[in-house]
C-alpha atoms as a PDB file:
ATOM      1  CA  MET A   1     232.136 199.455 -36.011  1.00  0.00           C
ATOM      2  CA  GLU A   2     234.713 198.135 -33.558  1.00  0.00           C
ATOM      3  CA  THR A   3     237.573 196.154 -35.048  1.00  0.00           C
ATOM      4  CA  LEU A   4     238.536 193.028 -33.150  1.00  0.00           C
ATOM      5  CA  GLY A   5     242.236 192.389 -33.015  1.00  0.00           C
ATOM      6  CA  LYS A   6     244.998 190.987 -30.908  1.00  0.00           C
ATOM      7  CA  SER A   7     244.803 192.631 -27.476  1.00  0.00           C
ATOM      8  CA  ARG A   8     247.833 193.510 -25.382  1.00  0.00           C
ATOM      9  CA  GLY A   9     248.458 190.897 -22.743  1.00  0.00           C
ATOM     10  CA  PRO A  10     249.187 191.837 -19.118  1.00  0.00           C
ATOM     11  CA  THR A  11     252.795 192.692 -18.364  1.00  0.00           C
ATOM     12  CA  ILE A  12     254.989 192.374 -15.293  1.00  0.00           C
ATOM     13  CA  LYS A  13     254.254 196.076 -14.645  1.00  0.00           C
ATOM     14  CA  ASP A  14     250.509 195.306 -14.600  1.00  0.00           C
ATOM     15  CA  ILE A  15     251.049 192.440 -12.180  1.00  0.00           C
ATOM     16  CA  ALA A  16     253.167 194.671  -9.926  1.00  0.00           C
ATOM     17  CA  GLN A  17     250.430 197.333  -9.771  1.00  0.00           C
ATOM     18  CA  ALA A  18     247.720 194.764  -9.033  1.00  0.00           C
ATOM     19  CA  ALA A  19     249.777 193.030  -6.336  1.00  0.00           C
ATOM     20  CA  GLY A  20     251.157 196.264  -4.869  1.00  0.00           C
ATOM     21  CA  VAL A  21     254.799 195.238  -5.219  1.00  0.00           C
ATOM     22  CA  SER A  22     257.801 196.203  -7.346  1.00  0.00           C
ATOM     23  CA  LYS A  23     258.498 194.824 -10.815  1.00  0.00           C
ATOM     24  CA  SER A  24     261.648 193.132  -9.542  1.00  0.00           C
ATOM     25  CA  ALA A  25     259.619 191.380  -6.827  1.00  0.00           C
ATOM     26  CA  VAL A  26     257.212 190.092  -9.506  1.00  0.00           C
ATOM     27  CA  SER A  27     260.125 188.782 -11.584  1.00  0.00           C
ATOM     28  CA  ARG A  28     261.671 187.008  -8.603  1.00  0.00           C
ATOM     29  CA  ALA A  29     258.329 185.509  -7.571  1.00  0.00           C
ATOM     30  CA  LEU A  30     257.419 184.226 -11.042  1.00  0.00           C
ATOM     31  CA  LEU A  31     260.890 182.914 -11.819  1.00  0.00           C
ATOM     32  CA  GLY A  32     261.376 181.393  -8.371  1.00  0.00           C
ATOM     33  CA  GLN A  33     264.668 183.252  -8.020  1.00  0.00           C
ATOM     34  CA  GLY A  34     265.897 185.353  -5.121  1.00  0.00           C
ATOM     35  CA  GLU A  35     264.340 186.062  -1.733  1.00  0.00           C
ATOM     36  CA  VAL A  36     260.591 186.680  -1.829  1.00  0.00           C
ATOM     37  CA  SER A  37     258.265 186.439   1.145  1.00  0.00           C
ATOM     38  CA  GLN A  38     255.484 183.870   1.049  1.00  0.00           C
ATOM     39  CA  ASP A  39     252.864 186.636   1.237  1.00  0.00           C
ATOM     40  CA  THR A  40     254.388 188.488  -1.742  1.00  0.00           C
ATOM     41  CA  ARG A  41     254.651 185.295  -3.783  1.00  0.00           C
ATOM     42  CA  GLU A  42     250.990 184.437  -3.161  1.00  0.00           C
ATOM     43  CA  ARG A  43     249.827 187.969  -4.069  1.00  0.00           C
ATOM     44  CA  VAL A  44     251.878 187.939  -7.288  1.00  0.00           C
ATOM     45  CA  GLU A  45     250.696 184.467  -8.315  1.00  0.00           C
ATOM     46  CA  ARG A  46     247.057 185.382  -7.569  1.00  0.00           C
ATOM     47  CA  ALA A  47     247.279 188.577  -9.634  1.00  0.00           C
ATOM     48  CA  ALA A  48     249.005 186.757 -12.514  1.00  0.00           C
ATOM     49  CA  ARG A  49     246.367 184.034 -12.499  1.00  0.00           C
ATOM     50  CA  GLU A  50     243.437 186.460 -12.397  1.00  0.00           C
ATOM     51  CA  MET A  51     244.890 188.591 -15.217  1.00  0.00           C
ATOM     52  CA  GLY A  52     245.776 185.600 -17.416  1.00  0.00           C
ATOM     53  CA  TYR A  53     249.462 186.484 -17.446  1.00  0.00           C
ATOM     54  CA  VAL A  54     251.670 184.313 -19.675  1.00  0.00           C
ATOM     55  CA  ALA A  55     255.436 184.664 -19.513  1.00  0.00           C
ATOM     56  CA  ASN A  56     257.317 185.343 -22.755  1.00  0.00           C
ATOM     57  CA  ALA A  57     259.459 182.220 -23.029  1.00  0.00           C
ATOM     58  CA  MET A  58     261.639 183.709 -25.760  1.00  0.00           C
ATOM     59  CA  ALA A  59     262.350 186.860 -23.766  1.00  0.00           C
ATOM     60  CA  ARG A  60     263.084 184.772 -20.704  1.00  0.00           C
ATOM     61  CA  GLY A  61     265.415 182.647 -22.791  1.00  0.00           C
ATOM     62  CA  LEU A  62     267.401 185.713 -23.818  1.00  0.00           C
ATOM     63  CA  VAL A  63     268.053 186.425 -20.139  1.00  0.00           C
ATOM     64  CA  SER A  64     268.707 182.873 -18.938  1.00  0.00           C
ATOM     65  CA  SER A  65     270.091 181.468 -22.258  1.00  0.00           C
ATOM     66  CA  SER A  66     267.529 178.645 -21.903  1.00  0.00           C
ATOM     67  CA  THR A  67     263.843 178.365 -22.753  1.00  0.00           C
ATOM     68  CA  HIS A  68     263.514 174.898 -21.182  1.00  0.00           C
ATOM     69  CA  THR A  69     261.800 173.905 -24.395  1.00  0.00           C
ATOM     70  CA  LEU A  70     262.581 170.983 -26.707  1.00  0.00           C
ATOM     71  CA  GLY A  71     261.530 170.984 -30.343  1.00  0.00           C
ATOM     72  CA  VAL A  72     260.309 167.839 -32.092  1.00  0.00           C
ATOM     73  CA  VAL A  73     259.997 167.426 -35.864  1.00  0.00           C
ATOM     74  CA  LEU A  74     257.456 164.624 -36.203  1.00  0.00           C
ATOM     75  CA  ARG A  75     256.782 162.914 -39.527  1.00  0.00           C
ATOM     76  CA  ASP A  76     253.111 161.997 -39.221  1.00  0.00           C
ATOM     77  CA  VAL A  77     251.051 162.396 -36.054  1.00  0.00           C
ATOM     78  CA  ALA A  78     248.389 160.054 -37.484  1.00  0.00           C
ATOM     79  CA  ASN A  79     250.935 157.223 -37.722  1.00  0.00           C
ATOM     80  CA  PRO A  80     250.852 155.025 -34.564  1.00  0.00           C
ATOM     81  CA  PHE A  81     254.657 154.823 -34.416  1.00  0.00           C
ATOM     82  CA  TYR A  82     255.146 158.594 -34.378  1.00  0.00           C
ATOM     83  CA  ALA A  83     252.128 159.263 -32.158  1.00  0.00           C
ATOM     84  CA  ASN A  84     253.391 156.843 -29.503  1.00  0.00           C
ATOM     85  CA  LEU A  85     256.949 158.140 -29.858  1.00  0.00           C
ATOM     86  CA  TYR A  86     255.814 161.721 -29.301  1.00  0.00           C
ATOM     87  CA  ALA A  87     253.705 160.864 -26.245  1.00  0.00           C
ATOM     88  CA  ALA A  88     256.630 159.037 -24.632  1.00  0.00           C
ATOM     89  CA  MET A  89     259.057 161.887 -25.428  1.00  0.00           C
ATOM     90  CA  GLN A  90     256.684 164.407 -23.904  1.00  0.00           C
ATOM     91  CA  ARG A  91     256.402 162.357 -20.701  1.00  0.00           C
ATOM     92  CA  GLU A  92     260.177 162.123 -20.390  1.00  0.00           C
ATOM     93  CA  ALA A  93     260.747 165.831 -21.113  1.00  0.00           C
ATOM     94  CA  GLU A  94     258.165 166.867 -18.503  1.00  0.00           C
ATOM     95  CA  LYS A  95     259.936 164.722 -15.905  1.00  0.00           C
ATOM     96  CA  HIS A  96     262.980 166.954 -16.382  1.00  0.00           C
ATOM     97  CA  GLY A  97     261.032 170.222 -16.361  1.00  0.00           C
ATOM     98  CA  TYR A  98     261.013 170.769 -20.132  1.00  0.00           C
ATOM     99  CA  ARG A  99     258.165 171.637 -22.460  1.00  0.00           C
ATOM    100  CA  VAL A 100     257.844 170.128 -25.942  1.00  0.00           C
ATOM    101  CA  VAL A 101     256.982 172.133 -29.051  1.00  0.00           C
ATOM    102  CA  THR A 102     256.083 169.974 -32.041  1.00  0.00           C
ATOM    103  CA  ALA A 103     256.016 170.593 -35.783  1.00  0.00           C
ATOM    104  CA  THR A 104     254.136 167.822 -37.573  1.00  0.00           C
ATOM    105  CA  SER A 105     251.429 167.028 -40.104  1.00  0.00           C
ATOM    106  CA  ALA A 106     248.181 165.088 -40.261  1.00  0.00           C
ATOM    107  CA  GLY A 107     249.712 163.311 -43.252  1.00  0.00           C
ATOM    108  CA  GLU A 108     253.212 162.752 -44.553  1.00  0.00           C
ATOM    109  CA  LEU A 109     255.601 165.565 -43.619  1.00  0.00           C
ATOM    110  CA  GLU A 110     257.443 165.997 -46.917  1.00  0.00           C
ATOM    111  CA  LEU A 111     261.064 167.121 -47.217  1.00  0.00           C
ATOM    112  CA  GLU A 112     260.439 170.848 -47.727  1.00  0.00           C
ATOM    113  CA  ASP A 113     257.856 170.881 -44.942  1.00  0.00           C
ATOM    114  CA  ALA A 114     260.241 169.070 -42.595  1.00  0.00           C
ATOM    115  CA  LEU A 115     263.010 171.566 -43.363  1.00  0.00           C
ATOM    116  CA  GLY A 116     260.601 174.427 -42.759  1.00  0.00           C
ATOM    117  CA  ALA A 117     259.551 172.870 -39.458  1.00  0.00           C
ATOM    118  CA  LEU A 118     263.172 172.495 -38.403  1.00  0.00           C
ATOM    119  CA  ARG A 119     263.924 176.160 -39.168  1.00  0.00           C
ATOM    120  CA  THR A 120     260.776 177.321 -37.357  1.00  0.00           C
ATOM    121  CA  LEU A 121     261.643 175.413 -34.197  1.00  0.00           C
ATOM    122  CA  ILE A 122     265.180 176.788 -34.185  1.00  0.00           C
ATOM    123  CA  SER A 123     263.780 180.311 -34.621  1.00  0.00           C
ATOM    124  CA  LEU A 124     261.695 179.718 -31.471  1.00  0.00           C
ATOM    125  CA  GLN A 125     265.001 179.268 -29.615  1.00  0.00           C
ATOM    126  CA  VAL A 126     264.360 175.718 -28.438  1.00  0.00           C
ATOM    127  CA  ASP A 127     267.190 174.322 -26.328  1.00  0.00           C
ATOM    128  CA  GLY A 128     267.441 171.165 -28.439  1.00  0.00           C
ATOM    129  CA  LEU A 129     265.780 169.245 -31.265  1.00  0.00           C
ATOM    130  CA  VAL A 130     264.562 165.684 -31.723  1.00  0.00           C
ATOM    131  CA  ILE A 131     264.037 164.831 -35.373  1.00  0.00           C
ATOM    132  CA  ALA A 132     261.640 161.951 -35.971  1.00  0.00           C
ATOM    133  CA  SER A 133     261.169 162.294 -39.710  1.00  0.00           C
ATOM    134  CA  ALA A 134     262.441 159.668 -42.105  1.00  0.00           C
ATOM    135  CA  GLN A 135     261.984 162.133 -44.957  1.00  0.00           C
ATOM    136  CA  LEU A 136     264.780 164.413 -43.714  1.00  0.00           C
ATOM    137  CA  PRO A 137     268.157 163.178 -45.070  1.00  0.00           C
ATOM    138  CA  SER A 138     271.340 163.426 -43.010  1.00  0.00           C
ATOM    139  CA  GLU A 139     272.883 165.975 -45.353  1.00  0.00           C
ATOM    140  CA  ASP A 140     269.979 168.342 -44.656  1.00  0.00           C
ATOM    141  CA  ILE A 141     270.397 167.982 -40.889  1.00  0.00           C
ATOM    142  CA  VAL A 142     274.174 168.529 -40.644  1.00  0.00           C
ATOM    143  CA  PRO A 143     274.123 172.285 -41.494  1.00  0.00           C
ATOM    144  CA  PHE A 144     271.960 172.976 -38.424  1.00  0.00           C
ATOM    145  CA  MET A 145     274.037 171.043 -35.910  1.00  0.00           C
ATOM    146  CA  GLY A 146     276.102 174.085 -34.985  1.00  0.00           C
ATOM    147  CA  ARG A 147     272.933 175.990 -34.103  1.00  0.00           C
ATOM    148  CA  VAL A 148     271.311 173.613 -31.632  1.00  0.00           C
ATOM    149  CA  PRO A 149     271.866 170.096 -30.149  1.00  0.00           C
ATOM    150  CA  ILE A 150     270.104 167.495 -32.312  1.00  0.00           C
ATOM    151  CA  VAL A 151     269.135 163.844 -31.823  1.00  0.00           C
ATOM    152  CA  VAL A 152     267.447 161.733 -34.515  1.00  0.00           C
ATOM    153  CA  ALA A 153     264.886 159.267 -33.144  1.00  0.00           C
ATOM    154  CA  GLY A 154     263.547 156.191 -34.913  1.00  0.00           C
ATOM    155  CA  ARG A 155     266.267 155.513 -37.482  1.00  0.00           C
ATOM    156  CA  ARG A 156     269.995 154.927 -37.637  1.00  0.00           C
ATOM    157  CA  GLU A 157     271.831 157.930 -39.011  1.00  0.00           C
ATOM    158  CA  SER A 158     274.244 157.457 -41.900  1.00  0.00           C
ATOM    159  CA  SER A 159     276.294 160.436 -40.701  1.00  0.00           C
ATOM    160  CA  ALA A 160     278.719 159.603 -37.889  1.00  0.00           C
ATOM    161  CA  SER A 161     278.362 163.135 -36.519  1.00  0.00           C
ATOM    162  CA  ILE A 162     274.611 162.867 -35.838  1.00  0.00           C
ATOM    163  CA  THR A 163     273.419 161.153 -32.669  1.00  0.00           C
ATOM    164  CA  SER A 164     270.584 158.685 -33.310  1.00  0.00           C
ATOM    165  CA  VAL A 165     268.436 156.302 -31.271  1.00  0.00           C
ATOM    166  CA  TYR A 166     266.518 153.559 -33.024  1.00  0.00           C
ATOM    167  CA  CYS A 167     265.187 150.019 -32.963  1.00  0.00           C
ATOM    168  CA  ASP A 168     267.663 147.520 -34.403  1.00  0.00           C
ATOM    169  CA  ASP A 169     265.561 146.715 -37.473  1.00  0.00           C
ATOM    170  CA  GLU A 170     268.119 144.270 -38.835  1.00  0.00           C
ATOM    171  CA  ASP A 171     267.760 142.227 -35.665  1.00  0.00           C
ATOM    172  CA  GLY A 172     263.970 142.676 -35.746  1.00  0.00           C
ATOM    173  CA  GLY A 173     263.711 141.423 -39.316  1.00  0.00           C
ATOM    174  CA  GLN A 174     265.860 138.443 -38.410  1.00  0.00           C
ATOM    175  CA  GLN A 175     263.721 137.564 -35.373  1.00  0.00           C
ATOM    176  CA  MET A 176     260.534 137.697 -37.444  1.00  0.00           C
ATOM    177  CA  ALA A 177     262.028 135.601 -40.249  1.00  0.00           C
ATOM    178  CA  ASP A 178     263.248 133.051 -37.708  1.00  0.00           C
ATOM    179  CA  LEU A 179     259.696 132.837 -36.341  1.00  0.00           C
ATOM    180  CA  VAL A 180     258.146 132.292 -39.780  1.00  0.00           C
ATOM    181  CA  ALA A 181     260.737 129.681 -40.747  1.00  0.00           C
ATOM    182  CA  ALA A 182     260.266 127.870 -37.428  1.00  0.00           C
ATOM    183  CA  ALA A 183     256.528 127.618 -38.182  1.00  0.00           C
ATOM    184  CA  GLY A 184     257.463 125.444 -41.171  1.00  0.00           C
ATOM    185  CA  HIS A 185     257.004 127.839 -44.086  1.00  0.00           C
ATOM    186  CA  ARG A 186     259.222 127.083 -47.080  1.00  0.00           C
ATOM    187  CA  ARG A 187     258.043 129.844 -49.447  1.00  0.00           C
ATOM    188  CA  VAL A 188     257.399 133.301 -48.042  1.00  0.00           C
ATOM    189  CA  ALA A 189     256.413 136.610 -49.649  1.00  0.00           C
ATOM    190  CA  VAL A 190     258.209 139.673 -48.240  1.00  0.00           C
ATOM    191  CA  ILE A 191     256.775 143.135 -48.952  1.00  0.00           C
ATOM    192  CA  LEU A 192     259.838 145.369 -49.287  1.00  0.00           C
ATOM    193  CA  VAL A 193     259.419 149.143 -48.839  1.00  0.00           C
ATOM    194  CA  ASP A 194     261.679 151.446 -50.854  1.00  0.00           C
ATOM    195  CA  LYS A 195     264.412 153.002 -48.714  1.00  0.00           C
ATOM    196  CA  SER A 196     263.638 156.482 -50.049  1.00  0.00           C
ATOM    197  CA  TYR A 197     260.315 156.272 -48.196  1.00  0.00           C
ATOM    198  CA  SER A 198     261.558 154.590 -45.021  1.00  0.00           C
ATOM    199  CA  LEU A 199     265.087 153.393 -44.421  1.00  0.00           C
ATOM    200  CA  SER A 200     263.966 151.531 -41.293  1.00  0.00           C
ATOM    201  CA  GLN A 201     261.231 149.584 -43.101  1.00  0.00           C
ATOM    202  CA  ASN A 202     263.644 148.820 -45.928  1.00  0.00           C
ATOM    203  CA  ILE A 203     266.290 147.498 -43.515  1.00  0.00           C
ATOM    204  CA  ARG A 204     263.871 145.207 -41.703  1.00  0.00           C
ATOM    205  CA  GLY A 205     262.581 143.852 -45.038  1.00  0.00           C
ATOM    206  CA  LEU A 206     266.066 143.123 -46.373  1.00  0.00           C
ATOM    207  CA  SER A 207     266.925 141.376 -43.119  1.00  0.00           C
ATOM    208  CA  MET A 208     263.803 139.189 -43.431  1.00  0.00           C
ATOM    209  CA  ILE A 209     264.814 138.221 -46.976  1.00  0.00           C
ATOM    210  CA  ASP A 210     268.440 137.447 -46.086  1.00  0.00           C
ATOM    211  CA  THR A 211     267.488 135.431 -43.000  1.00  0.00           C
ATOM    212  CA  LEU A 212     264.865 133.362 -44.809  1.00  0.00           C
ATOM    213  CA  ARG A 213     267.248 132.526 -47.639  1.00  0.00           C
ATOM    214  CA  SER A 214     270.018 131.632 -45.205  1.00  0.00           C
ATOM    215  CA  LYS A 215     267.641 128.996 -43.790  1.00  0.00           C
ATOM    216  CA  GLY A 216     266.832 127.585 -47.205  1.00  0.00           C
ATOM    217  CA  VAL A 217     263.426 129.245 -47.363  1.00  0.00           C
ATOM    218  CA  ALA A 218     262.396 130.725 -50.720  1.00  0.00           C
ATOM    219  CA  ALA A 219     261.761 134.466 -50.280  1.00  0.00           C
ATOM    220  CA  ASP A 220     259.610 136.106 -52.949  1.00  0.00           C
ATOM    221  CA  VAL A 221     260.237 139.851 -52.901  1.00  0.00           C
ATOM    222  CA  TYR A 222     257.393 142.298 -53.632  1.00  0.00           C
ATOM    223  CA  PRO A 223     258.839 145.844 -53.867  1.00  0.00           C
ATOM    224  CA  VAL A 224     256.495 148.732 -52.966  1.00  0.00           C
ATOM    225  CA  ASN A 225     256.951 152.487 -52.732  1.00  0.00           C
ATOM    226  CA  SER A 226     255.468 152.629 -49.214  1.00  0.00           C
ATOM    227  CA  ASP A 227     253.753 150.351 -46.715  1.00  0.00           C
ATOM    228  CA  SER A 228     250.377 151.738 -47.838  1.00  0.00           C
ATOM    229  CA  ASP A 229     250.922 149.863 -51.132  1.00  0.00           C
ATOM    230  CA  ALA A 230     250.955 146.515 -49.326  1.00  0.00           C
ATOM    231  CA  PRO A 231     247.379 145.517 -50.370  1.00  0.00           C
ATOM    232  CA  VAL A 232     248.356 145.593 -54.057  1.00  0.00           C
ATOM    233  CA  ALA A 233     251.350 143.390 -53.300  1.00  0.00           C
ATOM    234  CA  ALA A 234     249.135 141.012 -51.296  1.00  0.00           C
ATOM    235  CA  SER A 235     246.779 140.607 -54.239  1.00  0.00           C
ATOM    236  CA  SER A 236     249.766 139.628 -56.394  1.00  0.00           C
ATOM    237  CA  VAL A 237     250.908 137.129 -53.768  1.00  0.00           C
ATOM    238  CA  ILE A 238     247.502 135.432 -53.792  1.00  0.00           C
ATOM    239  CA  SER A 239     247.277 135.394 -57.576  1.00  0.00           C
ATOM    240  CA  HIS A 240     250.642 133.640 -57.775  1.00  0.00           C
ATOM    241  CA  GLY A 241     249.462 131.136 -55.184  1.00  0.00           C
ATOM    242  CA  ALA A 242     252.903 129.857 -54.136  1.00  0.00           C
ATOM    243  CA  ALA A 243     253.760 131.621 -50.856  1.00  0.00           C
ATOM    244  CA  THR A 244     252.239 130.286 -47.655  1.00  0.00           C
ATOM    245  CA  ALA A 245     253.027 133.400 -45.601  1.00  0.00           C
ATOM    246  CA  VAL A 246     253.250 137.160 -46.190  1.00  0.00           C
ATOM    247  CA  MET A 247     255.627 139.332 -44.160  1.00  0.00           C
ATOM    248  CA  CYS A 248     254.473 142.972 -43.946  1.00  0.00           C
ATOM    249  CA  PRO A 249     256.644 145.998 -43.040  1.00  0.00           C
ATOM    250  CA  THR A 250     254.205 147.456 -40.464  1.00  0.00           C
ATOM    251  CA  ASP A 251     251.123 146.459 -38.496  1.00  0.00           C
ATOM    252  CA  ALA A 252     249.016 149.007 -40.389  1.00  0.00           C
ATOM    253  CA  SER A 253     249.971 147.328 -43.658  1.00  0.00           C
ATOM    254  CA  LEU A 254     249.290 143.903 -42.111  1.00  0.00           C
ATOM    255  CA  VAL A 255     245.721 144.972 -41.257  1.00  0.00           C
ATOM    256  CA  ALA A 256     245.258 146.171 -44.852  1.00  0.00           C
ATOM    257  CA  VAL A 257     246.588 142.852 -46.163  1.00  0.00           C
ATOM    258  CA  LEU A 258     244.237 140.896 -43.879  1.00  0.00           C
ATOM    259  CA  GLU A 259     241.371 142.899 -45.361  1.00  0.00           C
ATOM    260  CA  VAL A 260     242.474 141.796 -48.847  1.00  0.00           C
ATOM    261  CA  PHE A 261     242.434 138.189 -47.611  1.00  0.00           C
ATOM    262  CA  ARG A 262     238.924 138.652 -46.192  1.00  0.00           C
ATOM    263  CA  GLU A 263     237.624 140.069 -49.463  1.00  0.00           C
ATOM    264  CA  LEU A 264     239.017 137.036 -51.263  1.00  0.00           C
ATOM    265  CA  GLY A 265     237.421 134.645 -48.790  1.00  0.00           C
ATOM    266  CA  LEU A 266     240.724 133.704 -47.125  1.00  0.00           C
ATOM    267  CA  ARG A 267     241.579 133.434 -43.444  1.00  0.00           C
ATOM    268  CA  ALA A 268     244.833 133.913 -41.560  1.00  0.00           C
ATOM    269  CA  PRO A 269     246.457 131.653 -40.639  1.00  0.00           C
ATOM    270  CA  GLU A 270     244.177 128.826 -41.843  1.00  0.00           C
ATOM    271  CA  ASP A 271     244.680 129.667 -45.538  1.00  0.00           C
ATOM    272  CA  ILE A 272     247.724 131.913 -45.481  1.00  0.00           C
ATOM    273  CA  SER A 273     249.827 133.324 -42.634  1.00  0.00           C
ATOM    274  CA  ALA A 274     250.760 136.974 -42.256  1.00  0.00           C
ATOM    275  CA  THR A 275     253.039 138.970 -39.965  1.00  0.00           C
ATOM    276  CA  GLY A 276     253.500 142.667 -39.188  1.00  0.00           C
ATOM    277  CA  TYR A 277     255.927 144.933 -37.392  1.00  0.00           C
ATOM    278  CA  ASP A 278     255.635 147.600 -34.652  1.00  0.00           C
ATOM    279  CA  ALA A 279     253.151 146.186 -32.069  1.00  0.00           C
ATOM    280  CA  LEU A 280     252.121 149.642 -30.859  1.00  0.00           C
ATOM    281  CA  GLY A 281     248.894 151.062 -29.473  1.00  0.00           C
ATOM    282  CA  PRO A 282     245.526 149.455 -30.301  1.00  0.00           C
ATOM    283  CA  LEU A 283     247.042 147.259 -33.030  1.00  0.00           C
ATOM    284  CA  ALA A 284     249.054 145.491 -30.323  1.00  0.00           C
ATOM    285  CA  SER A 285     245.846 144.383 -28.583  1.00  0.00           C
ATOM    286  CA  PRO A 286     245.689 140.634 -27.753  1.00  0.00           C
ATOM    287  CA  PHE A 287     242.098 140.773 -28.995  1.00  0.00           C
ATOM    288  CA  LEU A 288     243.366 141.453 -32.532  1.00  0.00           C
ATOM    289  CA  GLY A 289     246.159 138.946 -32.056  1.00  0.00           C
ATOM    290  CA  LEU A 290     248.496 140.200 -34.783  1.00  0.00           C
ATOM    291  CA  THR A 291     251.783 138.328 -35.065  1.00  0.00           C
ATOM    292  CA  SER A 292     254.242 141.187 -34.997  1.00  0.00           C
ATOM    293  CA  PHE A 293     257.479 142.648 -33.658  1.00  0.00           C
ATOM    294  CA  HIS A 294     257.350 144.950 -30.666  1.00  0.00           C
ATOM    295  CA  GLN A 295     259.462 148.074 -31.086  1.00  0.00           C
ATOM    296  CA  PRO A 296     260.840 149.466 -27.773  1.00  0.00           C
ATOM    297  CA  ILE A 297     259.140 152.815 -28.415  1.00  0.00           C
ATOM    298  CA  GLU A 298     259.226 153.994 -24.793  1.00  0.00           C
ATOM    299  CA  GLU A 299     262.945 153.303 -24.585  1.00  0.00           C
ATOM    300  CA  ILE A 300     263.627 154.995 -27.936  1.00  0.00           C
ATOM    301  CA  ALA A 301     261.793 158.098 -26.725  1.00  0.00           C
ATOM    302  CA  THR A 302     263.329 158.310 -23.256  1.00  0.00           C
ATOM    303  CA  THR A 303     266.838 157.597 -24.515  1.00  0.00           C
ATOM    304  CA  SER A 304     266.484 160.264 -27.232  1.00  0.00           C
ATOM    305  CA  VAL A 305     265.329 162.915 -24.758  1.00  0.00           C
ATOM    306  CA  ASP A 306     267.932 161.949 -22.154  1.00  0.00           C
ATOM    307  CA  LEU A 307     270.754 162.101 -24.694  1.00  0.00           C
ATOM    308  CA  LEU A 308     269.503 165.465 -25.941  1.00  0.00           C
ATOM    309  CA  LEU A 309     269.420 166.862 -22.397  1.00  0.00           C
ATOM    310  CA  ASP A 310     272.972 165.598 -21.846  1.00  0.00           C
ATOM    311  CA  MET A 311     274.050 167.420 -25.009  1.00  0.00           C
ATOM    312  CA  ILE A 312     272.299 170.611 -23.850  1.00  0.00           C
ATOM    313  CA  LYS A 313     274.212 170.404 -20.576  1.00  0.00           C
ATOM    314  CA  GLY A 314     277.461 169.906 -22.471  1.00  0.00           C
ATOM    315  CA  SER A 315     278.015 166.283 -21.460  1.00  0.00           C
ATOM    316  CA  GLN A 316     280.200 164.115 -23.679  1.00  0.00           C
ATOM    317  CA  ILE A 317     278.178 161.628 -25.725  1.00  0.00           C
ATOM    318  CA  ARG A 318     280.190 158.425 -26.129  1.00  0.00           C
ATOM    319  CA  ASP A 319     277.902 156.318 -28.307  1.00  0.00           C
ATOM    320  CA  ARG A 320     276.307 158.435 -31.027  1.00  0.00           C
ATOM    321  CA  HIS A 321     274.276 155.549 -32.455  1.00  0.00           C
ATOM    322  CA  VAL A 322     272.157 153.672 -29.919  1.00  0.00           C
ATOM    323  CA  ALA A 323     270.526 150.496 -31.264  1.00  0.00           C
ATOM    324  CA  LEU A 324     267.765 149.080 -29.064  1.00  0.00           C
ATOM    325  CA  ARG A 325     266.439 145.554 -29.366  1.00  0.00           C
ATOM    326  CA  GLY A 326     262.759 144.745 -29.632  1.00  0.00           C
ATOM    327  CA  SER A 327     260.969 141.429 -29.208  1.00  0.00           C
ATOM    328  CA  VAL A 328     258.599 139.137 -31.079  1.00  0.00           C
ATOM    329  CA  SER A 329     254.922 139.605 -30.279  1.00  0.00           C
ATOM    330  CA  ALA A 330     253.298 136.221 -30.808  1.00  0.00           C
ATOM    331  CA  GLY A 331     249.796 136.318 -32.255  1.00  0.00           C
ATOM    332  CA  ARG A 332     247.200 134.287 -34.092  1.00  0.00           C
ATOM    333  CA  THR A 333     247.977 135.365 -37.697  1.00  0.00           C
ATOM    334  CA  LEU A 334     250.947 132.995 -38.052  1.00  0.00           C
ATOM    335  CA  GLY A 335     250.445 129.237 -38.181  1.00  0.00           C
ATOM    336  CA  PRO A 336     251.797 126.195 -39.994  1.00  0.00           C
ATOM    337  CA  PRO A 337     251.725 126.338 -43.820  1.00  0.00           C
ATOM    338  CA  ARG A 338     248.673 125.114 -45.694  1.00  0.00           C
ATOM    339  CA  GLU A 339     249.035 122.950 -48.769  1.00  0.00           C
ATOM    340  CA  PRO A 340     250.541 124.769 -51.807  1.00  0.00           C
ATOM    341  CA  GLY A 341     247.825 126.247 -54.035  1.00  0.00           C
ATOM    342  CA  ALA A 342     245.105 125.880 -51.369  1.00  0.00           C
ATOM    343  CA  ALA A 343     244.709 129.644 -50.954  1.00  0.00           C
ATOM    344  CA  SER A 344     244.245 130.333 -54.646  1.00  0.00           C
ATOM    345  CA  ALA A 345     241.779 127.425 -54.944  1.00  0.00           C
ATOM    346  CA  ARG A 346     239.276 128.782 -52.406  1.00  0.00           C
END
């Protein structure tokens, strides 16, 4: 009985024999280096294509000291924020002739998994790393900085030595709170995510609370471990019956909160207003009409990749922490306050 196993792939020597040229001519043709006639290049490329030849990027990197590959540690590919961030980073990397190798998870990439992903990508000899994982603390990133250029995308780094690109969540929280206060709400529930889960979501929530209170608006704080716990907090808000608006940490949690309202026979904003944060992908659709905050995801991604490429080239990075401003995304889920107690009376 024949055993199926991993077959030997074609080598440069095989390509040379098939094309009738020397191994050095094959190397020059495939790498685009040195003088090679057009006829030789076409014969080499045809033979390589027909034989399914794939260059060994790691071996090539040992020769050129560059694999033209960027590694990305991504927290959760199912999360719209990280999915959109990755797509934009890949587009920007390809513009500069770089490939992207990603280590991620279909769920939450926990600390040990994120560390393992980081080590794996470094072992693949990537030229640089983008870390988009809120679960990876600064102190766990610092030891690797001497091995490869690193940029953190999506959150502000607490370490001055780590370059980071992120949305200014303090400003975003303030803009959203200003919007809710301007709509006339005088008592607002804010769902506050624990910073151990997401520093960014925690910062935007604290900014909402501080801004509301500075305007004389009562801010009722509902602490949660993660944004997925928002529905439980929303049920508590309704049972208390005092707040006329609920501010959620993400659009995904806003949708979950709106479902709680629906199950209780409530409508937004007729009975109670609700806001989100992110405004990315399908959840940003005008058809849904979520009142949210648009994160500059494309700019975060392109700036992260561009800074990383500058570091790879040895350029001096002046500003290690780049804060980008987003904008309010007006929608239908925020309106003027209803009468106190009306929601709980339905």
